């Protein structure tokens, strides 16, 4: 019995409660460098909250709308084209922040089952969207927005109305395409072209100053930088009339100035006397012309 009691006491001393073991062993383990590294990694490797993706604007519907215009077509073909111009609301909603309130209203009616051109819509004609411009201008604009592959969309005969529509309806994509067209064809722009044509340098510079010189958004600043070569060409042409007096002979100086400036002066004289000069050429471009001519006269008066 004494032996049994001794063994039982010895066995009881060996089998200690887990809490007692942990209290003695854990502090030693935590002092171990590897344990400290593991503990630190566990504290810092907690899963990060998922990143919030930027919200993407979604058009309220994809209904068809019929485009109508305040300005009627000049030909029967244009009038027929106007009757056929129908477009997905979503395309215009994304392209033009200005048109969004009107399209939102159309989509609200469509959701109520009052408009055709939408799933579940009424069996009536699609809703009408009143726009400025002509059917021909909007047909070109829609080809541009839809990337139909019809090349080239922007031409000399429609770049002005397309710029006006891009400005009125705040269409960045259209504005950029027009800017790209002007820069690509900058070699076709000159003072010799008729003032009514955007190929005239004063006219083209005025279009840039009116429609492509905004800098309030990154997109506008990118377009402004894109069309910078047109301003450079204008300054180069205008100041061709302002020659430095570098000749020892007055006759040689005048002869060199005449050969350089004659065409520029002749074109400027024709343009500033055009009846539409004040309407087509912006005040800023007119100011550049005035300063260039004044500088030229001052140079001549100072050396004759």
Foldseek 3Di string as FASTA:
>chain_A
DVVVVVVVVVVDVVDDDPVVVCVPVVVVQCVDVVNVVVVVCVVPPDDDDDDDDDDDDFQLFFFKAQEDEPDEDPDPVQNVLSRVDIGTLRLLVVQFVQCRVVSVVLSVCVVVQDAPRHVNHDPDHGHYDYDYDGSLLVVLVVCQSVVVVPPPSDDQVRLVVLLVRCQVRVGLSSLQSSLVVCLVVVVQADLPDDLVTCSDLQLVVQSCVPRQCDDPDPSSVVSNVSNVVSVVVLLVLLLQLQDAPDDPDPVVVVVVNCVRCVVSVVSVVVQVPDPCNPVRGDPVSVVSNVVSVVNNVVNVVVPD
